[in-house]
C-alpha atoms as a PDB file:
ATOM      1  CA  MET A   1     274.231  75.354 147.317  1.00  0.00           C
ATOM      2  CA  PHE A   2     276.250  74.829 150.461  1.00  0.00           C
ATOM      3  CA  GLY A   3     279.637  73.131 150.470  1.00  0.00           C
ATOM      4  CA  ARG A   4     279.139  72.460 146.745  1.00  0.00           C
ATOM      5  CA  LYS A   5     276.136  70.298 147.559  1.00  0.00           C
ATOM      6  CA  LYS A   6     272.568  70.808 146.362  1.00  0.00           C
ATOM      7  CA  ILE A   7     270.460  71.276 149.490  1.00  0.00           C
ATOM      8  CA  ALA A   8     266.724  70.712 149.859  1.00  0.00           C
ATOM      9  CA  VAL A   9     264.644  71.493 152.939  1.00  0.00           C
ATOM     10  CA  VAL A  10     261.458  69.555 153.623  1.00  0.00           C
ATOM     11  CA  VAL A  11     258.850  71.437 155.669  1.00  0.00           C
ATOM     12  CA  PRO A  12     256.092  69.144 156.982  1.00  0.00           C
ATOM     13  CA  ALA A  13     253.062  71.184 158.041  1.00  0.00           C
ATOM     14  CA  HIS A  14     249.622  70.498 159.475  1.00  0.00           C
ATOM     15  CA  ASN A  15     247.404  73.438 160.446  1.00  0.00           C
ATOM     16  CA  GLU A  16     250.333  75.865 160.569  1.00  0.00           C
ATOM     17  CA  ALA A  17     248.723  78.901 158.906  1.00  0.00           C
ATOM     18  CA  ARG A  18     249.961  81.203 161.688  1.00  0.00           C
ATOM     19  CA  LEU A  19     253.608  80.179 161.471  1.00  0.00           C
ATOM     20  CA  ILE A  20     254.270  78.598 158.063  1.00  0.00           C
ATOM     21  CA  ALA A  21     255.358  81.836 156.336  1.00  0.00           C
ATOM     22  CA  GLN A  22     257.754  82.656 159.180  1.00  0.00           C
ATOM     23  CA  ALA A  23     259.162  79.123 159.120  1.00  0.00           C
ATOM     24  CA  VAL A  24     259.796  79.253 155.371  1.00  0.00           C
ATOM     25  CA  GLU A  25     261.066  82.835 155.171  1.00  0.00           C
ATOM     26  CA  GLN A  26     263.763  82.161 157.775  1.00  0.00           C
ATOM     27  CA  ILE A  27     265.279  79.269 155.806  1.00  0.00           C
ATOM     28  CA  PRO A  28     268.751  80.398 154.608  1.00  0.00           C
ATOM     29  CA  LYS A  29     269.069  81.619 151.033  1.00  0.00           C
ATOM     30  CA  PHE A  30     271.730  79.034 150.182  1.00  0.00           C
ATOM     31  CA  VAL A  31     269.031  76.344 150.171  1.00  0.00           C
ATOM     32  CA  ASP A  32     268.267  75.290 146.597  1.00  0.00           C
ATOM     33  CA  LEU A  33     264.800  73.821 147.090  1.00  0.00           C
ATOM     34  CA  ILE A  34     262.103  74.161 149.759  1.00  0.00           C
ATOM     35  CA  ILE A  35     259.418  71.483 149.721  1.00  0.00           C
ATOM     36  CA  VAL A  36     256.387  72.331 151.842  1.00  0.00           C
ATOM     37  CA  VAL A  37     254.217  69.259 152.473  1.00  0.00           C
ATOM     38  CA  ASP A  38     250.758  70.199 153.735  1.00  0.00           C
ATOM     39  CA  ASP A  39     249.376  67.141 155.499  1.00  0.00           C
ATOM     40  CA  ALA A  40     245.668  67.840 154.865  1.00  0.00           C
ATOM     41  CA  SER A  41     245.538  71.069 156.872  1.00  0.00           C
ATOM     42  CA  GLU A  42     242.119  72.544 157.578  1.00  0.00           C
ATOM     43  CA  ASP A  43     243.225  76.123 158.307  1.00  0.00           C
ATOM     44  CA  GLY A  44     244.471  77.248 154.889  1.00  0.00           C
ATOM     45  CA  THR A  45     248.160  76.585 155.550  1.00  0.00           C
ATOM     46  CA  LEU A  46     249.170  76.720 151.884  1.00  0.00           C
ATOM     47  CA  ALA A  47     247.014  79.786 151.230  1.00  0.00           C
ATOM     48  CA  ALA A  48     248.789  81.583 154.078  1.00  0.00           C
ATOM     49  CA  LEU A  49     252.129  80.568 152.618  1.00  0.00           C
ATOM     50  CA  ASP A  50     251.199  81.794 149.140  1.00  0.00           C
ATOM     51  CA  ALA A  51     249.914  85.090 150.495  1.00  0.00           C
ATOM     52  CA  GLU A  52     253.005  85.929 152.523  1.00  0.00           C
ATOM     53  CA  THR A  53     255.924  84.221 150.767  1.00  0.00           C
ATOM     54  CA  ALA A  54     257.325  84.734 147.280  1.00  0.00           C
ATOM     55  CA  ARG A  55     260.468  82.592 147.318  1.00  0.00           C
ATOM     56  CA  PRO A  56     260.827  81.007 143.857  1.00  0.00           C
ATOM     57  CA  GLU A  57     262.476  77.842 145.150  1.00  0.00           C
ATOM     58  CA  ILE A  58     259.317  76.664 146.963  1.00  0.00           C
ATOM     59  CA  VAL A  59     257.484  73.539 145.822  1.00  0.00           C
ATOM     60  CA  ALA A  60     254.178  72.875 147.584  1.00  0.00           C
ATOM     61  CA  VAL A  61     252.656  69.414 147.935  1.00  0.00           C
ATOM     62  CA  ARG A  62     249.359  68.625 149.630  1.00  0.00           C
ATOM     63  CA  HIS A  63     248.062  65.380 151.128  1.00  0.00           C
ATOM     64  CA  GLU A  64     244.304  65.297 150.643  1.00  0.00           C
ATOM     65  CA  VAL A  65     243.997  62.931 153.633  1.00  0.00           C
ATOM     66  CA  ASN A  66     245.973  63.396 156.838  1.00  0.00           C
ATOM     67  CA  GLN A  67     248.724  60.763 156.923  1.00  0.00           C
ATOM     68  CA  GLY A  68     250.987  61.945 159.754  1.00  0.00           C
ATOM     69  CA  VAL A  69     254.188  63.926 160.087  1.00  0.00           C
ATOM     70  CA  GLY A  70     256.351  60.950 159.122  1.00  0.00           C
ATOM     71  CA  ALA A  71     254.418  60.434 155.913  1.00  0.00           C
ATOM     72  CA  ALA A  72     254.758  64.137 155.110  1.00  0.00           C
ATOM     73  CA  ILE A  73     258.523  63.920 155.577  1.00  0.00           C
ATOM     74  CA  VAL A  74     258.714  60.845 153.340  1.00  0.00           C
ATOM     75  CA  THR A  75     256.751  62.657 150.630  1.00  0.00           C
ATOM     76  CA  GLY A  76     259.258  65.486 150.880  1.00  0.00           C
ATOM     77  CA  TYR A  77     262.226  63.109 150.800  1.00  0.00           C
ATOM     78  CA  LYS A  78     260.966  61.512 147.585  1.00  0.00           C
ATOM     79  CA  LYS A  79     260.358  64.865 145.934  1.00  0.00           C
ATOM     80  CA  ALA A  80     263.787  66.183 146.990  1.00  0.00           C
ATOM     81  CA  VAL A  81     265.598  63.161 145.563  1.00  0.00           C
ATOM     82  CA  LEU A  82     263.571  63.452 142.362  1.00  0.00           C
ATOM     83  CA  PHE A  83     264.767  67.058 142.015  1.00  0.00           C
ATOM     84  CA  GLY A  84     268.386  65.977 142.427  1.00  0.00           C
ATOM     85  CA  ALA A  85     269.084  67.146 145.987  1.00  0.00           C
ATOM     86  CA  GLN A  86     272.243  65.645 147.496  1.00  0.00           C
ATOM     87  CA  ILE A  87     271.391  66.478 151.112  1.00  0.00           C
ATOM     88  CA  VAL A  88     267.863  66.763 152.480  1.00  0.00           C
ATOM     89  CA  VAL A  89     267.057  68.689 155.659  1.00  0.00           C
ATOM     90  CA  VAL A  90     263.845  68.636 157.703  1.00  0.00           C
ATOM     91  CA  MET A  91     262.644  71.899 159.281  1.00  0.00           C
ATOM     92  CA  ALA A  92     259.149  71.863 160.776  1.00  0.00           C
ATOM     93  CA  GLY A  93     256.425  74.284 159.730  1.00  0.00           C
ATOM     94  CA  ASP A  94     256.014  75.686 163.253  1.00  0.00           C
ATOM     95  CA  ALA A  95     259.255  77.756 163.196  1.00  0.00           C
ATOM     96  CA  GLN A  96     260.762  75.756 166.072  1.00  0.00           C
ATOM     97  CA  MET A  97     264.113  75.263 164.357  1.00  0.00           C
ATOM     98  CA  ASP A  98     266.817  77.931 164.413  1.00  0.00           C
ATOM     99  CA  PRO A  99     268.013  78.615 160.834  1.00  0.00           C
ATOM    100  CA  ASP A 100     271.381  79.713 162.221  1.00  0.00           C
ATOM    101  CA  ASP A 101     271.985  76.087 163.233  1.00  0.00           C
ATOM    102  CA  LEU A 102     271.559  74.767 159.689  1.00  0.00           C
ATOM    103  CA  PRO A 103     275.223  75.193 158.583  1.00  0.00           C
ATOM    104  CA  PHE A 104     276.341  73.275 161.687  1.00  0.00           C
ATOM    105  CA  LEU A 105     273.885  70.484 160.888  1.00  0.00           C
ATOM    106  CA  LEU A 106     275.115  70.262 157.292  1.00  0.00           C
ATOM    107  CA  ASP A 107     278.814  70.434 158.136  1.00  0.00           C
ATOM    108  CA  PRO A 108     279.419  66.809 159.293  1.00  0.00           C
ATOM    109  CA  VAL A 109     277.387  65.484 156.350  1.00  0.00           C
ATOM    110  CA  ILE A 110     279.340  67.522 153.810  1.00  0.00           C
ATOM    111  CA  LYS A 111     282.622  66.450 155.420  1.00  0.00           C
ATOM    112  CA  LYS A 112     281.448  62.813 155.110  1.00  0.00           C
ATOM    113  CA  GLU A 113     281.714  62.296 158.848  1.00  0.00           C
ATOM    114  CA  CYS A 114     278.158  60.944 158.831  1.00  0.00           C
ATOM    115  CA  ASP A 115     275.225  60.162 156.567  1.00  0.00           C
ATOM    116  CA  TYR A 116     272.558  61.476 158.937  1.00  0.00           C
ATOM    117  CA  ALA A 117     273.010  64.497 161.205  1.00  0.00           C
ATOM    118  CA  LYS A 118     270.589  64.598 164.104  1.00  0.00           C
ATOM    119  CA  GLY A 119     269.731  67.780 165.990  1.00  0.00           C
ATOM    120  CA  ASP A 120     270.318  67.620 169.745  1.00  0.00           C
ATOM    121  CA  ARG A 121     268.382  70.154 171.836  1.00  0.00           C
ATOM    122  CA  LEU A 122     269.021  68.428 175.146  1.00  0.00           C
ATOM    123  CA  SER A 123     272.742  69.321 175.075  1.00  0.00           C
ATOM    124  CA  TRP A 124     272.066  73.024 174.488  1.00  0.00           C
ATOM    125  CA  PRO A 125     273.183  75.124 177.499  1.00  0.00           C
ATOM    126  CA  GLY A 126     270.044  76.036 179.386  1.00  0.00           C
ATOM    127  CA  ALA A 127     267.854  73.462 177.624  1.00  0.00           C
ATOM    128  CA  PHE A 128     266.180  72.633 180.933  1.00  0.00           C
ATOM    129  CA  ARG A 129     264.892  76.217 181.160  1.00  0.00           C
ATOM    130  CA  ALA A 130     264.136  76.614 177.453  1.00  0.00           C
ATOM    131  CA  MET A 131     262.052  73.457 177.054  1.00  0.00           C
ATOM    132  CA  PRO A 132     258.731  72.712 178.766  1.00  0.00           C
ATOM    133  CA  PHE A 133     259.449  70.425 181.717  1.00  0.00           C
ATOM    134  CA  THR A 134     257.332  67.525 180.454  1.00  0.00           C
ATOM    135  CA  ARG A 135     258.980  67.684 177.004  1.00  0.00           C
ATOM    136  CA  TYR A 136     262.442  67.840 178.542  1.00  0.00           C
ATOM    137  CA  VAL A 137     261.877  64.804 180.775  1.00  0.00           C
ATOM    138  CA  GLY A 138     259.914  62.876 178.150  1.00  0.00           C
ATOM    139  CA  ASN A 139     262.608  63.397 175.514  1.00  0.00           C
ATOM    140  CA  HIS A 140     265.272  62.127 177.912  1.00  0.00           C
ATOM    141  CA  VAL A 141     263.239  58.977 178.589  1.00  0.00           C
ATOM    142  CA  LEU A 142     262.453  58.294 174.932  1.00  0.00           C
ATOM    143  CA  SER A 143     266.061  59.012 173.926  1.00  0.00           C
ATOM    144  CA  LYS A 144     267.318  56.446 176.413  1.00  0.00           C
ATOM    145  CA  LEU A 145     264.871  53.864 175.090  1.00  0.00           C
ATOM    146  CA  THR A 146     265.840  54.709 171.506  1.00  0.00           C
ATOM    147  CA  ARG A 147     269.511  54.129 172.293  1.00  0.00           C
ATOM    148  CA  LEU A 148     268.546  50.596 173.300  1.00  0.00           C
ATOM    149  CA  THR A 149     266.294  49.877 170.321  1.00  0.00           C
ATOM    150  CA  SER A 150     267.953  51.705 167.407  1.00  0.00           C
ATOM    151  CA  GLY A 151     271.456  50.332 167.802  1.00  0.00           C
ATOM    152  CA  PHE A 152     272.939  53.839 168.134  1.00  0.00           C
ATOM    153  CA  GLU A 153     274.237  54.022 171.682  1.00  0.00           C
ATOM    154  CA  ASP A 154     275.178  57.717 171.559  1.00  0.00           C
ATOM    155  CA  ILE A 155     271.897  59.279 170.335  1.00  0.00           C
ATOM    156  CA  ARG A 156     271.214  62.213 172.640  1.00  0.00           C
ATOM    157  CA  ASP A 157     267.869  63.630 171.436  1.00  0.00           C
ATOM    158  CA  SER A 158     265.914  61.013 169.557  1.00  0.00           C
ATOM    159  CA  GLN A 159     262.785  63.151 169.196  1.00  0.00           C
ATOM    160  CA  CYS A 160     264.397  66.160 167.531  1.00  0.00           C
ATOM    161  CA  GLY A 161     263.124  66.508 163.969  1.00  0.00           C
ATOM    162  CA  TYR A 162     265.854  68.887 162.831  1.00  0.00           C
ATOM    163  CA  THR A 163     267.931  66.544 160.648  1.00  0.00           C
ATOM    164  CA  ALA A 164     270.059  66.367 157.498  1.00  0.00           C
ATOM    165  CA  VAL A 165     270.449  63.187 155.466  1.00  0.00           C
ATOM    166  CA  THR A 166     272.246  62.246 152.268  1.00  0.00           C
ATOM    167  CA  ALA A 167     270.292  61.197 149.215  1.00  0.00           C
ATOM    168  CA  ASP A 168     272.547  58.136 149.072  1.00  0.00           C
ATOM    169  CA  LEU A 169     271.386  56.935 152.490  1.00  0.00           C
ATOM    170  CA  LEU A 170     267.750  57.573 151.579  1.00  0.00           C
ATOM    171  CA  SER A 171     268.228  55.339 148.531  1.00  0.00           C
ATOM    172  CA  ARG A 172     269.213  52.473 150.868  1.00  0.00           C
ATOM    173  CA  ILE A 173     266.081  52.757 153.016  1.00  0.00           C
ATOM    174  CA  ASP A 174     262.583  51.563 152.162  1.00  0.00           C
ATOM    175  CA  LEU A 175     260.954  54.946 152.751  1.00  0.00           C
ATOM    176  CA  ASP A 176     257.437  53.565 152.461  1.00  0.00           C
ATOM    177  CA  SER A 177     258.103  51.278 155.439  1.00  0.00           C
ATOM    178  CA  LEU A 178     258.854  54.166 157.820  1.00  0.00           C
ATOM    179  CA  TYR A 179     256.335  54.858 160.567  1.00  0.00           C
ATOM    180  CA  ALA A 180     253.991  57.590 159.375  1.00  0.00           C
ATOM    181  CA  ARG A 181     253.280  59.486 162.593  1.00  0.00           C
ATOM    182  CA  TYR A 182     255.069  60.804 165.691  1.00  0.00           C
ATOM    183  CA  GLY A 183     257.249  57.733 166.156  1.00  0.00           C
ATOM    184  CA  PHE A 184     258.918  58.495 162.826  1.00  0.00           C
ATOM    185  CA  PRO A 185     262.264  59.764 164.265  1.00  0.00           C
ATOM    186  CA  ASN A 186     262.681  56.602 166.333  1.00  0.00           C
ATOM    187  CA  ASP A 187     261.829  54.266 163.473  1.00  0.00           C
ATOM    188  CA  MET A 188     264.073  56.248 161.124  1.00  0.00           C
ATOM    189  CA  LEU A 189     267.071  55.651 163.386  1.00  0.00           C
ATOM    190  CA  ALA A 190     266.490  51.890 163.371  1.00  0.00           C
ATOM    191  CA  LYS A 191     266.214  51.920 159.575  1.00  0.00           C
ATOM    192  CA  VAL A 192     269.393  54.011 159.299  1.00  0.00           C
ATOM    193  CA  HIS A 193     271.275  51.524 161.493  1.00  0.00           C
ATOM    194  CA  ALA A 194     270.086  48.586 159.392  1.00  0.00           C
ATOM    195  CA  ALA A 195     271.244  50.447 156.261  1.00  0.00           C
ATOM    196  CA  GLN A 196     274.684  50.873 157.893  1.00  0.00           C
ATOM    197  CA  GLY A 197     274.303  54.638 158.010  1.00  0.00           C
ATOM    198  CA  ARG A 198     276.454  56.781 160.290  1.00  0.00           C
ATOM    199  CA  VAL A 199     274.833  59.296 162.629  1.00  0.00           C
ATOM    200  CA  SER A 200     276.226  62.450 164.246  1.00  0.00           C
ATOM    201  CA  ASN A 201     274.665  64.505 167.040  1.00  0.00           C
ATOM    202  CA  VAL A 202     274.662  68.262 166.433  1.00  0.00           C
ATOM    203  CA  THR A 203     273.690  70.613 169.246  1.00  0.00           C
ATOM    204  CA  VAL A 204     270.845  72.928 168.196  1.00  0.00           C
ATOM    205  CA  ARG A 205     268.897  75.608 170.024  1.00  0.00           C
ATOM    206  CA  PRO A 206     265.489  74.581 171.412  1.00  0.00           C
ATOM    207  CA  ILE A 207     262.762  77.051 170.439  1.00  0.00           C
ATOM    208  CA  TYR A 208     259.329  77.043 172.046  1.00  0.00           C
ATOM    209  CA  GLY A 209     256.792  79.820 171.627  1.00  0.00           C
ATOM    210  CA  GLN A 210     253.519  80.107 169.674  1.00  0.00           C
ATOM    211  CA  GLU A 211     253.479  76.544 168.335  1.00  0.00           C
ATOM    212  CA  VAL A 212     250.835  74.060 169.444  1.00  0.00           C
ATOM    213  CA  SER A 213     252.171  70.581 170.084  1.00  0.00           C
ATOM    214  CA  GLY A 214     250.325  67.699 168.461  1.00  0.00           C
ATOM    215  CA  ILE A 215     251.933  65.171 170.770  1.00  0.00           C
ATOM    216  CA  SER A 216     249.495  63.867 173.365  1.00  0.00           C
ATOM    217  CA  PHE A 217     250.254  61.967 176.556  1.00  0.00           C
ATOM    218  CA  HIS A 218     248.957  58.778 174.920  1.00  0.00           C
ATOM    219  CA  THR A 219     251.241  59.269 171.905  1.00  0.00           C
ATOM    220  CA  ALA A 220     254.343  59.904 174.013  1.00  0.00           C
ATOM    221  CA  PHE A 221     253.901  57.098 176.502  1.00  0.00           C
ATOM    222  CA  PHE A 222     252.016  54.437 174.551  1.00  0.00           C
ATOM    223  CA  SER A 223     252.252  54.906 170.772  1.00  0.00           C
ATOM    224  CA  VAL A 224     255.954  55.812 170.541  1.00  0.00           C
ATOM    225  CA  PRO A 225     257.096  52.970 172.876  1.00  0.00           C
ATOM    226  CA  ARG A 226     255.127  50.566 170.668  1.00  0.00           C
ATOM    227  CA  VAL A 227     256.948  51.948 167.627  1.00  0.00           C
ATOM    228  CA  LEU A 228     260.258  51.506 169.479  1.00  0.00           C
ATOM    229  CA  PHE A 229     259.505  47.863 170.199  1.00  0.00           C
ATOM    230  CA  ASN A 230     258.413  47.118 166.631  1.00  0.00           C
ATOM    231  CA  SER A 231     261.410  48.895 165.098  1.00  0.00           C
ATOM    232  CA  PHE A 232     263.760  47.035 167.453  1.00  0.00           C
ATOM    233  CA  VAL A 233     262.336  43.655 166.425  1.00  0.00           C
ATOM    234  CA  TRP A 234     262.482  44.650 162.740  1.00  0.00           C
ATOM    235  CA  ARG A 235     266.081  45.868 163.021  1.00  0.00           C
ATOM    236  CA  ILE A 236     267.375  42.753 164.765  1.00  0.00           C
ATOM    237  CA  ARG A 237     265.640  40.461 162.271  1.00  0.00           C
ATOM    238  CA  THR A 238     266.826  42.474 159.267  1.00  0.00           C
ATOM    239  CA  GLU A 239     270.426  42.758 160.435  1.00  0.00           C
ATOM    240  CA  ARG A 240     270.599  39.028 161.173  1.00  0.00           C
ATOM    241  CA  GLN A 241     269.250  38.239 157.710  1.00  0.00           C
ATOM    242  CA  THR A 242     271.823  40.580 156.172  1.00  0.00           C
ATOM    243  CA  ALA A 243     274.627  38.957 158.158  1.00  0.00           C
ATOM    244  CA  ARG A 244     273.538  35.493 157.011  1.00  0.00           C
ATOM    245  CA  ARG A 245     273.430  36.616 153.360  1.00  0.00           C
ATOM    246  CA  LEU A 246     276.910  38.110 153.611  1.00  0.00           C
ATOM    247  CA  ALA A 247     278.253  34.948 155.241  1.00  0.00           C
ATOM    248  CA  ALA A 248     276.709  32.797 152.505  1.00  0.00           C
ATOM    249  CA  ALA A 249     278.140  35.047 149.793  1.00  0.00           C
ATOM    250  CA  GLN A 250     281.618  34.815 151.321  1.00  0.00           C
ATOM    251  CA  MET A 251     281.383  31.030 151.355  1.00  0.00           C
ATOM    252  CA  ASP A 252     280.397  31.022 147.682  1.00  0.00           C
ATOM    253  CA  ILE A 253     283.432  33.043 146.624  1.00  0.00           C
ATOM    254  CA  ALA A 254     285.954  31.407 148.962  1.00  0.00           C
ATOM    255  CA  PRO A 255     288.754  29.675 146.975  1.00  0.00           C
ATOM    256  CA  LEU A 256     288.763  25.883 147.003  1.00  0.00           C
ATOM    257  CA  ASN A 257     291.472  24.210 149.016  1.00  0.00           C
ATOM    258  CA  PRO A 258     294.091  22.709 146.727  1.00  0.00           C
ATOM    259  CA  ILE A 259     294.180  18.906 146.622  1.00  0.00           C
ATOM    260  CA  ASP A 260     297.431  17.499 147.929  1.00  0.00           C
ATOM    261  CA  GLY A 261     299.186  14.797 146.047  1.00  0.00           C
END
């Protein structure tokens, strides 16, 4: 436990046999549950994990058909809530997330300053040198677009997957409606806004090394912008419908004007 809260970490993984054991072993010991979701890997990801890791708090889940990183995260979210986790963190299976940053990510959630803490690599001192140039520039562009479409005007690193969310907020989101692939972080923010969730940016260290990115040029500049547009349209429509329902409910409960005379 951390801050008297039961903490679960979801580890989405696809073909991460080289790094999955390292990613899991570095997760802090205060974490109560580690859910590794193997999204139909073809390189023996779970076998590598079993061979090199003996942490008793690990639960492994496998998708028999590749569904995408977003779908893997959703599977982990559902499992974490089922096990009674109060806060659910996402740490990727490629060891790109610094475990030393986890307490800082959890802190604003535990203090009830937000419902969803979002890692921010772009504000890390020296991020320009630490991140590949194309990723650095691309993340800035997509973050700016996400500020326009999500409703959160202060999001600094929309593409960072290092996050912590309350089980309560997850219960207010239709998890099955979330985009299943690399546009997941952008769609998640729109869904969080529609659910009236609060978001905090938390500066985290960018780590790049042996991992192989699955994000292609087409995904970054065509697929994700399409997700942004669709999530924007969905959010505006949903929030307007919610506002109309609230207005109608207020009219129904408004006291009748007394009749003079």
